[in-house]
Structures are given as structure tokens and as C-alpha cells.
């Protein structure tokens, strides 16, 4: 019997979206605009930014209230199409 690796989410649900890119890019502004286009305006408390130890990379985590899997799929599709984004989790 095969076990699915995909976990079923219940919506609406708080969901963290983590984006990584080079520190010298305008990563936060670009990715926040993408996320907010799909989820609405985020409070500053819903955004966390961390620099890598060497300062070359930036990780931005957005805590959103996801309404559906389709909404999350749209966010990730647009984030991964953004040239400043190296990885979106």
C-alpha cells in the first residue's frame, strides 16, 4: 500500500512561505508584492527577514492566511518565476 507524501491542509490556515535570494537584490519588495497580490496586505509582524552568516543571502518568511491550495499554488508559481528568487519553500 502506497502512502502519499502530500499532507492535506485545512483552509483557511496560517501558512509560512519562505523565500531565499541574494542579499544584493530587492528581494523583500519584489516578493512581498507577489505574496500580497494573492493574499492581501500583510502586517509587518507577519514578515521575518534573516541574513545569511556571510551576508550574501537573504531569507524572507511570510506568514499568510491561506484560503486554498490553488491560492498557494499561484503564489509559489509566481515566486519561482521571479528572477530574484533562488528558492521558495
PDB file of N, CA and C in Angstrom:
ATOM      1  N   UNK A   1       0.841  -1.182   0.000  1.00  0.00           N
ATOM      2  CA  UNK A   1       0.000   0.000   0.000  1.00  0.00           C
ATOM      3  C   UNK A   1       0.884   1.243   0.000  1.00  0.00           C
ATOM      4  N   UNK A   2       0.679   2.127  -0.966  1.00  0.00           N
ATOM      5  CA  UNK A   2       1.472   3.350  -1.079  1.00  0.00           C
ATOM      6  C   UNK A   2       0.935   4.411  -0.130  1.00  0.00           C
ATOM      7  N   UNK A   3       1.852   5.179   0.434  1.00  0.00           N
ATOM      8  CA  UNK A   3       1.478   6.263   1.336  1.00  0.00           C
ATOM      9  C   UNK A   3       1.800   7.575   0.646  1.00  0.00           C
ATOM     10  N   UNK A   4       0.851   8.468   0.630  1.00  0.00           N
ATOM     11  CA  UNK A   4       1.038   9.758  -0.009  1.00  0.00           C
ATOM     12  C   UNK A   4       1.938  10.640   0.850  1.00  0.00           C
ATOM     13  N   UNK A   5       2.903  11.296   0.219  1.00  0.00           N
ATOM     14  CA  UNK A   5       3.784  12.211   0.931  1.00  0.00           C
ATOM     15  C   UNK A   5       3.132  13.576   1.098  1.00  0.00           C
ATOM     16  N   UNK A   6       2.088  13.821   0.378  1.00  0.00           N
ATOM     17  CA  UNK A   6       1.403  15.114   0.434  1.00  0.00           C
ATOM     18  C   UNK A   6       0.459  15.162   1.629  1.00  0.00           C
ATOM     19  N   UNK A   7       0.607  16.188   2.430  1.00  0.00           N
ATOM     20  CA  UNK A   7      -0.245  16.367   3.595  1.00  0.00           C
ATOM     21  C   UNK A   7      -1.444  17.214   3.199  1.00  0.00           C
ATOM     22  N   UNK A   8      -2.606  16.829   3.664  1.00  0.00           N
ATOM     23  CA  UNK A   8      -3.803  17.593   3.372  1.00  0.00           C
ATOM     24  C   UNK A   8      -3.911  18.740   4.369  1.00  0.00           C
ATOM     25  N   UNK A   9      -4.027  19.953   3.845  1.00  0.00           N
ATOM     26  CA  UNK A   9      -4.182  21.132   4.684  1.00  0.00           C
ATOM     27  C   UNK A   9      -5.653  21.468   4.810  1.00  0.00           C
ATOM     28  N   UNK A  10      -6.010  22.036   5.931  1.00  0.00           N
ATOM     29  CA  UNK A  10      -7.367  22.546   6.106  1.00  0.00           C
ATOM     30  C   UNK A  10      -7.321  24.046   5.912  1.00  0.00           C
ATOM     31  N   UNK A  11      -8.297  24.581   5.218  1.00  0.00           N
ATOM     32  CA  UNK A  11      -8.333  26.016   4.911  1.00  0.00           C
ATOM     33  C   UNK A  11      -9.563  26.648   5.510  1.00  0.00           C
ATOM     34  N   UNK A  12      -9.470  27.921   5.907  1.00  0.00           N
ATOM     35  CA  UNK A  12      -8.274  28.762   5.911  1.00  0.00           C
ATOM     36  C   UNK A  12      -7.285  28.291   6.986  1.00  0.00           C
ATOM     37  N   UNK A  13      -6.004  28.593   6.743  1.00  0.00           N
ATOM     38  CA  UNK A  13      -4.947  28.132   7.629  1.00  0.00           C
ATOM     39  C   UNK A  13      -3.759  29.077   7.564  1.00  0.00           C
ATOM     40  N   UNK A  14      -3.106  29.323   8.718  1.00  0.00           N
ATOM     41  CA  UNK A  14      -1.867  30.085   8.704  1.00  0.00           C
ATOM     42  C   UNK A  14      -0.809  29.224   8.038  1.00  0.00           C
ATOM     43  N   UNK A  15      -0.048  29.823   7.145  1.00  0.00           N
ATOM     44  CA  UNK A  15       0.920  29.062   6.364  1.00  0.00           C
ATOM     45  C   UNK A  15       2.169  29.918   6.146  1.00  0.00           C
ATOM     46  N   UNK A  16       3.354  29.412   6.503  1.00  0.00           N
ATOM     47  CA  UNK A  16       4.592  30.176   6.260  1.00  0.00           C
ATOM     48  C   UNK A  16       5.112  29.940   4.848  1.00  0.00           C
ATOM     49  N   UNK A  17       5.466  31.017   4.177  1.00  0.00           N
ATOM     50  CA  UNK A  17       6.075  30.944   2.851  1.00  0.00           C
ATOM     51  C   UNK A  17       7.479  31.526   2.992  1.00  0.00           C
ATOM     52  N   UNK A  18       8.503  30.712   2.726  1.00  0.00           N
ATOM     53  CA  UNK A  18       9.884  31.154   2.859  1.00  0.00           C
ATOM     54  C   UNK A  18      10.487  31.339   1.477  1.00  0.00           C
ATOM     55  N   UNK A  19      11.131  32.490   1.296  1.00  0.00           N
ATOM     56  CA  UNK A  19      11.740  32.851   0.022  1.00  0.00           C
ATOM     57  C   UNK A  19      13.209  33.173   0.274  1.00  0.00           C
ATOM     58  N   UNK A  20      14.090  32.663  -0.578  1.00  0.00           N
ATOM     59  CA  UNK A  20      15.514  32.944  -0.445  1.00  0.00           C
ATOM     60  C   UNK A  20      16.072  33.513  -1.731  1.00  0.00           C
ATOM     61  N   UNK A  21      16.998  34.459  -1.565  1.00  0.00           N
ATOM     62  CA  UNK A  21      17.630  35.078  -2.721  1.00  0.00           C
ATOM     63  C   UNK A  21      18.905  35.772  -2.309  1.00  0.00           C
ATOM     64  N   UNK A  22      19.545  36.421  -3.259  1.00  0.00           N
ATOM     65  CA  UNK A  22      20.785  37.139  -2.968  1.00  0.00           C
ATOM     66  C   UNK A  22      20.456  38.399  -2.182  1.00  0.00           C
ATOM     67  N   UNK A  23      21.334  38.735  -1.256  1.00  0.00           N
ATOM     68  CA  UNK A  23      21.116  39.900  -0.395  1.00  0.00           C
ATOM     69  C   UNK A  23      21.139  41.203  -1.194  1.00  0.00           C
ATOM     70  N   UNK A  24      21.888  41.257  -2.277  1.00  0.00           N
ATOM     71  CA  UNK A  24      22.007  42.494  -3.052  1.00  0.00           C
ATOM     72  C   UNK A  24      20.807  42.760  -3.964  1.00  0.00           C
ATOM     73  N   UNK A  25      19.839  41.857  -3.984  1.00  0.00           N
ATOM     74  CA  UNK A  25      18.630  42.079  -4.791  1.00  0.00           C
ATOM     75  C   UNK A  25      17.596  42.814  -3.944  1.00  0.00           C
ATOM     76  N   UNK A  26      16.527  43.244  -4.572  1.00  0.00           N
ATOM     77  CA  UNK A  26      15.431  43.893  -3.851  1.00  0.00           C
ATOM     78  C   UNK A  26      14.408  42.811  -3.487  1.00  0.00           C
ATOM     79  N   UNK A  27      14.895  41.723  -2.897  1.00  0.00           N
ATOM     80  CA  UNK A  27      14.108  40.524  -2.665  1.00  0.00           C
ATOM     81  C   UNK A  27      12.833  40.784  -1.873  1.00  0.00           C
ATOM     82  N   UNK A  28      12.948  41.492  -0.771  1.00  0.00           N
ATOM     83  CA  UNK A  28      11.752  41.680   0.061  1.00  0.00           C
ATOM     84  C   UNK A  28      10.664  42.436  -0.690  1.00  0.00           C
ATOM     85  N   UNK A  29      11.004  43.531  -1.316  1.00  0.00           N
ATOM     86  CA  UNK A  29       9.994  44.333  -2.008  1.00  0.00           C
ATOM     87  C   UNK A  29       9.351  43.542  -3.149  1.00  0.00           C
ATOM     88  N   UNK A  30      10.171  42.846  -3.918  1.00  0.00           N
ATOM     89  CA  UNK A  30       9.648  42.076  -5.050  1.00  0.00           C
ATOM     90  C   UNK A  30       8.732  40.943  -4.591  1.00  0.00           C
ATOM     91  N   UNK A  31       9.196  40.180  -3.602  1.00  0.00           N
ATOM     92  CA  UNK A  31       8.423  39.020  -3.172  1.00  0.00           C
ATOM     93  C   UNK A  31       7.212  39.403  -2.333  1.00  0.00           C
ATOM     94  N   UNK A  32       7.326  40.470  -1.554  1.00  0.00           N
ATOM     95  CA  UNK A  32       6.167  40.891  -0.770  1.00  0.00           C
ATOM     96  C   UNK A  32       5.044  41.356  -1.691  1.00  0.00           C
ATOM     97  N   UNK A  33       5.395  42.026  -2.770  1.00  0.00           N
ATOM     98  CA  UNK A  33       4.376  42.449  -3.742  1.00  0.00           C
ATOM     99  C   UNK A  33       3.681  41.237  -4.349  1.00  0.00           C
ATOM    100  N   UNK A  34       4.447  40.183  -4.641  1.00  0.00           N
ATOM    101  CA  UNK A  34       3.865  38.962  -5.200  1.00  0.00           C
ATOM    102  C   UNK A  34       2.929  38.307  -4.194  1.00  0.00           C
ATOM    103  N   UNK A  35       3.413  38.115  -2.972  1.00  0.00           N
ATOM    104  CA  UNK A  35       2.604  37.453  -1.945  1.00  0.00           C
ATOM    105  C   UNK A  35       1.329  38.248  -1.676  1.00  0.00           C
ATOM    106  N   UNK A  36       1.448  39.562  -1.522  1.00  0.00           N
ATOM    107  CA  UNK A  36       0.276  40.388  -1.215  1.00  0.00           C
ATOM    108  C   UNK A  36      -0.720  40.435  -2.371  1.00  0.00           C
ATOM    109  N   UNK A  37      -0.257  40.275  -3.588  1.00  0.00           N
ATOM    110  CA  UNK A  37      -1.165  40.238  -4.737  1.00  0.00           C
ATOM    111  C   UNK A  37      -2.139  39.059  -4.597  1.00  0.00           C
ATOM    112  N   UNK A  38      -1.692  38.000  -3.953  1.00  0.00           N
ATOM    113  CA  UNK A  38      -2.512  36.792  -3.807  1.00  0.00           C
ATOM    114  C   UNK A  38      -3.196  36.667  -2.447  1.00  0.00           C
ATOM    115  N   UNK A  39      -2.646  37.336  -1.426  1.00  0.00           N
ATOM    116  CA  UNK A  39      -3.163  37.128  -0.065  1.00  0.00           C
ATOM    117  C   UNK A  39      -3.702  38.382   0.605  1.00  0.00           C
ATOM    118  N   UNK A  40      -3.467  39.532   0.017  1.00  0.00           N
ATOM    119  CA  UNK A  40      -3.846  40.790   0.651  1.00  0.00           C
ATOM    120  C   UNK A  40      -2.660  41.360   1.417  1.00  0.00           C
ATOM    121  N   UNK A  41      -2.836  42.567   1.925  1.00  0.00           N
ATOM    122  CA  UNK A  41      -1.761  43.280   2.621  1.00  0.00           C
ATOM    123  C   UNK A  41      -1.377  42.531   3.901  1.00  0.00           C
ATOM    124  N   UNK A  42      -0.059  42.402   4.110  1.00  0.00           N
ATOM    125  CA  UNK A  42       0.459  41.711   5.291  1.00  0.00           C
ATOM    126  C   UNK A  42       0.912  42.719   6.338  1.00  0.00           C
ATOM    127  N   UNK A  43       0.659  42.412   7.588  1.00  0.00           N
ATOM    128  CA  UNK A  43       1.168  43.227   8.694  1.00  0.00           C
ATOM    129  C   UNK A  43       2.673  43.025   8.798  1.00  0.00           C
ATOM    130  N   UNK A  44       3.392  44.025   9.272  1.00  0.00           N
ATOM    131  CA  UNK A  44       4.840  43.892   9.455  1.00  0.00           C
ATOM    132  C   UNK A  44       5.183  42.704  10.348  1.00  0.00           C
ATOM    133  N   UNK A  45       4.327  42.392  11.297  1.00  0.00           N
ATOM    134  CA  UNK A  45       4.564  41.271  12.210  1.00  0.00           C
ATOM    135  C   UNK A  45       4.458  39.918  11.504  1.00  0.00           C
ATOM    136  N   UNK A  46       3.942  39.895  10.288  1.00  0.00           N
ATOM    137  CA  UNK A  46       3.805  38.659   9.518  1.00  0.00           C
ATOM    138  C   UNK A  46       4.982  38.417   8.577  1.00  0.00           C
ATOM    139  N   UNK A  47       5.990  39.295   8.660  1.00  0.00           N
ATOM    140  CA  UNK A  47       7.150  39.193   7.778  1.00  0.00           C
ATOM    141  C   UNK A  47       8.416  39.136   8.633  1.00  0.00           C
ATOM    142  N   UNK A  48       9.235  38.110   8.375  1.00  0.00           N
ATOM    143  CA  UNK A  48      10.503  37.974   9.102  1.00  0.00           C
ATOM    144  C   UNK A  48      11.633  37.894   8.075  1.00  0.00           C
ATOM    145  N   UNK A  49      12.690  38.675   8.290  1.00  0.00           N
ATOM    146  CA  UNK A  49      13.823  38.728   7.368  1.00  0.00           C
ATOM    147  C   UNK A  49      15.086  38.307   8.118  1.00  0.00           C
ATOM    148  N   UNK A  50      15.858  37.416   7.475  1.00  0.00           N
ATOM    149  CA  UNK A  50      17.124  36.972   8.057  1.00  0.00           C
ATOM    150  C   UNK A  50      18.207  36.986   6.993  1.00  0.00           C
ATOM    151  N   UNK A  51      19.405  37.478   7.386  1.00  0.00           N
ATOM    152  CA  UNK A  51      20.571  37.440   6.507  1.00  0.00           C
ATOM    153  C   UNK A  51      21.363  36.179   6.797  1.00  0.00           C
ATOM    154  N   UNK A  52      22.019  35.656   5.778  1.00  0.00           N
ATOM    155  CA  UNK A  52      22.902  34.513   5.993  1.00  0.00           C
ATOM    156  C   UNK A  52      24.116  34.973   6.790  1.00  0.00           C
ATOM    157  N   UNK A  53      24.836  34.028   7.347  1.00  0.00           N
ATOM    158  CA  UNK A  53      26.003  34.331   8.166  1.00  0.00           C
ATOM    159  C   UNK A  53      27.023  35.177   7.413  1.00  0.00           C
ATOM    160  N   UNK A  54      27.256  34.848   6.152  1.00  0.00           N
ATOM    161  CA  UNK A  54      28.233  35.603   5.364  1.00  0.00           C
ATOM    162  C   UNK A  54      27.649  36.873   4.738  1.00  0.00           C
ATOM    163  N   UNK A  55      26.347  37.074   4.886  1.00  0.00           N
ATOM    164  CA  UNK A  55      25.703  38.284   4.394  1.00  0.00           C
ATOM    165  C   UNK A  55      25.381  38.287   2.911  1.00  0.00           C
ATOM    166  N   UNK A  56      25.623  37.174   2.220  1.00  0.00           N
ATOM    167  CA  UNK A  56      25.374  37.134   0.780  1.00  0.00           C
ATOM    168  C   UNK A  56      23.932  36.817   0.411  1.00  0.00           C
ATOM    169  N   UNK A  57      23.218  36.164   1.319  1.00  0.00           N
ATOM    170  CA  UNK A  57      21.860  35.713   1.016  1.00  0.00           C
ATOM    171  C   UNK A  57      20.867  36.256   2.030  1.00  0.00           C
ATOM    172  N   UNK A  58      19.619  36.301   1.608  1.00  0.00           N
ATOM    173  CA  UNK A  58      18.541  36.803   2.440  1.00  0.00           C
ATOM    174  C   UNK A  58      17.407  35.797   2.412  1.00  0.00           C
ATOM    175  N   UNK A  59      16.812  35.553   3.568  1.00  0.00           N
ATOM    176  CA  UNK A  59      15.633  34.685   3.658  1.00  0.00           C
ATOM    177  C   UNK A  59      14.495  35.530   4.212  1.00  0.00           C
ATOM    178  N   UNK A  60      13.371  35.501   3.534  1.00  0.00           N
ATOM    179  CA  UNK A  60      12.192  36.241   3.968  1.00  0.00           C
ATOM    180  C   UNK A  60      11.072  35.226   4.175  1.00  0.00           C
ATOM    181  N   UNK A  61      10.471  35.256   5.353  1.00  0.00           N
ATOM    182  CA  UNK A  61       9.351  34.365   5.643  1.00  0.00           C
ATOM    183  C   UNK A  61       8.096  35.205   5.807  1.00  0.00           C
ATOM    184  N   UNK A  62       7.067  34.824   5.067  1.00  0.00           N
ATOM    185  CA  UNK A  62       5.765  35.484   5.137  1.00  0.00           C
ATOM    186  C   UNK A  62       4.787  34.521   5.788  1.00  0.00           C
ATOM    187  N   UNK A  63       4.138  34.954   6.841  1.00  0.00           N
ATOM    188  CA  UNK A  63       3.090  34.146   7.465  1.00  0.00           C
ATOM    189  C   UNK A  63       1.762  34.648   6.924  1.00  0.00           C
ATOM    190  N   UNK A  64       1.119  33.830   6.112  1.00  0.00           N
ATOM    191  CA  UNK A  64      -0.126  34.233   5.446  1.00  0.00           C
ATOM    192  C   UNK A  64      -1.275  33.368   5.938  1.00  0.00           C
ATOM    193  N   UNK A  65      -2.478  33.846   5.735  1.00  0.00           N
ATOM    194  CA  UNK A  65      -3.661  33.031   5.973  1.00  0.00           C
ATOM    195  C   UNK A  65      -4.105  32.525   4.611  1.00  0.00           C
ATOM    196  N   UNK A  66      -3.758  31.273   4.343  1.00  0.00           N
ATOM    197  CA  UNK A  66      -4.075  30.673   3.052  1.00  0.00           C
ATOM    198  C   UNK A  66      -5.540  30.274   3.017  1.00  0.00           C
ATOM    199  N   UNK A  67      -6.190  30.575   1.902  1.00  0.00           N
ATOM    200  CA  UNK A  67      -7.605  30.263   1.733  1.00  0.00           C
ATOM    201  C   UNK A  67      -7.838  28.958   0.973  1.00  0.00           C
ATOM    202  N   UNK A  68      -6.831  28.539   0.164  1.00  0.00           N
ATOM    203  CA  UNK A  68      -6.997  27.322  -0.632  1.00  0.00           C
ATOM    204  C   UNK A  68      -5.643  26.853  -1.150  1.00  0.00           C
ATOM    205  N   UNK A  69      -5.598  25.603  -1.575  1.00  0.00           N
ATOM    206  CA  UNK A  69      -4.382  25.068  -2.190  1.00  0.00           C
ATOM    207  C   UNK A  69      -4.104  25.785  -3.507  1.00  0.00           C
ATOM    208  N   UNK A  70      -5.146  26.114  -4.236  1.00  0.00           N
ATOM    209  CA  UNK A  70      -4.979  26.828  -5.508  1.00  0.00           C
ATOM    210  C   UNK A  70      -4.304  28.185  -5.285  1.00  0.00           C
ATOM    211  N   UNK A  71      -4.685  28.875  -4.221  1.00  0.00           N
ATOM    212  CA  UNK A  71      -4.075  30.160  -3.895  1.00  0.00           C
ATOM    213  C   UNK A  71      -2.578  29.977  -3.623  1.00  0.00           C
ATOM    214  N   UNK A  72      -2.223  28.981  -2.818  1.00  0.00           N
ATOM    215  CA  UNK A  72      -0.811  28.724  -2.530  1.00  0.00           C
ATOM    216  C   UNK A  72      -0.047  28.350  -3.796  1.00  0.00           C
ATOM    217  N   UNK A  73      -0.657  27.540  -4.638  1.00  0.00           N
ATOM    218  CA  UNK A  73      -0.014  27.157  -5.899  1.00  0.00           C
ATOM    219  C   UNK A  73       0.272  28.388  -6.755  1.00  0.00           C
ATOM    220  N   UNK A  74      -0.663  29.326  -6.807  1.00  0.00           N
ATOM    221  CA  UNK A  74      -0.480  30.557  -7.580  1.00  0.00           C
ATOM    222  C   UNK A  74       0.665  31.395  -7.015  1.00  0.00           C
ATOM    223  N   UNK A  75       0.736  31.498  -5.680  1.00  0.00           N
ATOM    224  CA  UNK A  75       1.812  32.258  -5.031  1.00  0.00           C
ATOM    225  C   UNK A  75       3.160  31.636  -5.397  1.00  0.00           C
ATOM    226  N   UNK A  76       3.286  30.325  -5.216  1.00  0.00           N
ATOM    227  CA  UNK A  76       4.559  29.658  -5.497  1.00  0.00           C
ATOM    228  C   UNK A  76       4.936  29.723  -6.969  1.00  0.00           C
ATOM    229  N   UNK A  77       3.976  29.626  -7.851  1.00  0.00           N
ATOM    230  CA  UNK A  77       4.244  29.713  -9.288  1.00  0.00           C
ATOM    231  C   UNK A  77       4.847  31.076  -9.631  1.00  0.00           C
ATOM    232  N   UNK A  78       4.252  32.131  -9.074  1.00  0.00           N
ATOM    233  CA  UNK A  78       4.753  33.473  -9.377  1.00  0.00           C
ATOM    234  C   UNK A  78       6.096  33.740  -8.686  1.00  0.00           C
ATOM    235  N   UNK A  79       6.262  33.252  -7.450  1.00  0.00           N
ATOM    236  CA  UNK A  79       7.537  33.455  -6.756  1.00  0.00           C
ATOM    237  C   UNK A  79       8.680  32.766  -7.491  1.00  0.00           C
ATOM    238  N   UNK A  80       8.477  31.549  -7.926  1.00  0.00           N
ATOM    239  CA  UNK A  80       9.571  30.821  -8.587  1.00  0.00           C
ATOM    240  C   UNK A  80       9.862  31.372  -9.984  1.00  0.00           C
ATOM    241  N   UNK A  81       8.952  32.125 -10.553  1.00  0.00           N
ATOM    242  CA  UNK A  81       9.192  32.779 -11.841  1.00  0.00           C
ATOM    243  C   UNK A  81       9.977  34.080 -11.688  1.00  0.00           C
ATOM    244  N   UNK A  82      10.054  34.603 -10.461  1.00  0.00           N
ATOM    245  CA  UNK A  82      10.751  35.853 -10.183  1.00  0.00           C
ATOM    246  C   UNK A  82      12.268  35.611 -10.241  1.00  0.00           C
ATOM    247  N   UNK A  83      12.982  36.398 -11.027  1.00  0.00           N
ATOM    248  CA  UNK A  83      14.430  36.212 -11.196  1.00  0.00           C
ATOM    249  C   UNK A  83      15.219  36.410  -9.904  1.00  0.00           C
ATOM    250  N   UNK A  84      14.717  37.207  -8.962  1.00  0.00           N
ATOM    251  CA  UNK A  84      15.444  37.448  -7.712  1.00  0.00           C
ATOM    252  C   UNK A  84      15.343  36.270  -6.742  1.00  0.00           C
ATOM    253  N   UNK A  85      14.405  35.384  -6.972  1.00  0.00           N
ATOM    254  CA  UNK A  85      14.169  34.263  -6.060  1.00  0.00           C
ATOM    255  C   UNK A  85      15.021  33.064  -6.469  1.00  0.00           C
ATOM    256  N   UNK A  86      15.847  32.606  -5.528  1.00  0.00           N
ATOM    257  CA  UNK A  86      16.647  31.405  -5.760  1.00  0.00           C
ATOM    258  C   UNK A  86      15.871  30.159  -5.344  1.00  0.00           C
ATOM    259  N   UNK A  87      15.038  30.299  -4.291  1.00  0.00           N
ATOM    260  CA  UNK A  87      14.284  29.164  -3.786  1.00  0.00           C
ATOM    261  C   UNK A  87      13.063  29.664  -3.017  1.00  0.00           C
ATOM    262  N   UNK A  88      11.955  28.945  -3.149  1.00  0.00           N
ATOM    263  CA  UNK A  88      10.745  29.250  -2.390  1.00  0.00           C
ATOM    264  C   UNK A  88      10.256  27.954  -1.760  1.00  0.00           C
ATOM    265  N   UNK A  89      10.033  27.999  -0.463  1.00  0.00           N
ATOM    266  CA  UNK A  89       9.586  26.826   0.287  1.00  0.00           C
ATOM    267  C   UNK A  89       8.281  27.130   0.990  1.00  0.00           C
TER     268      UNK A  89
END
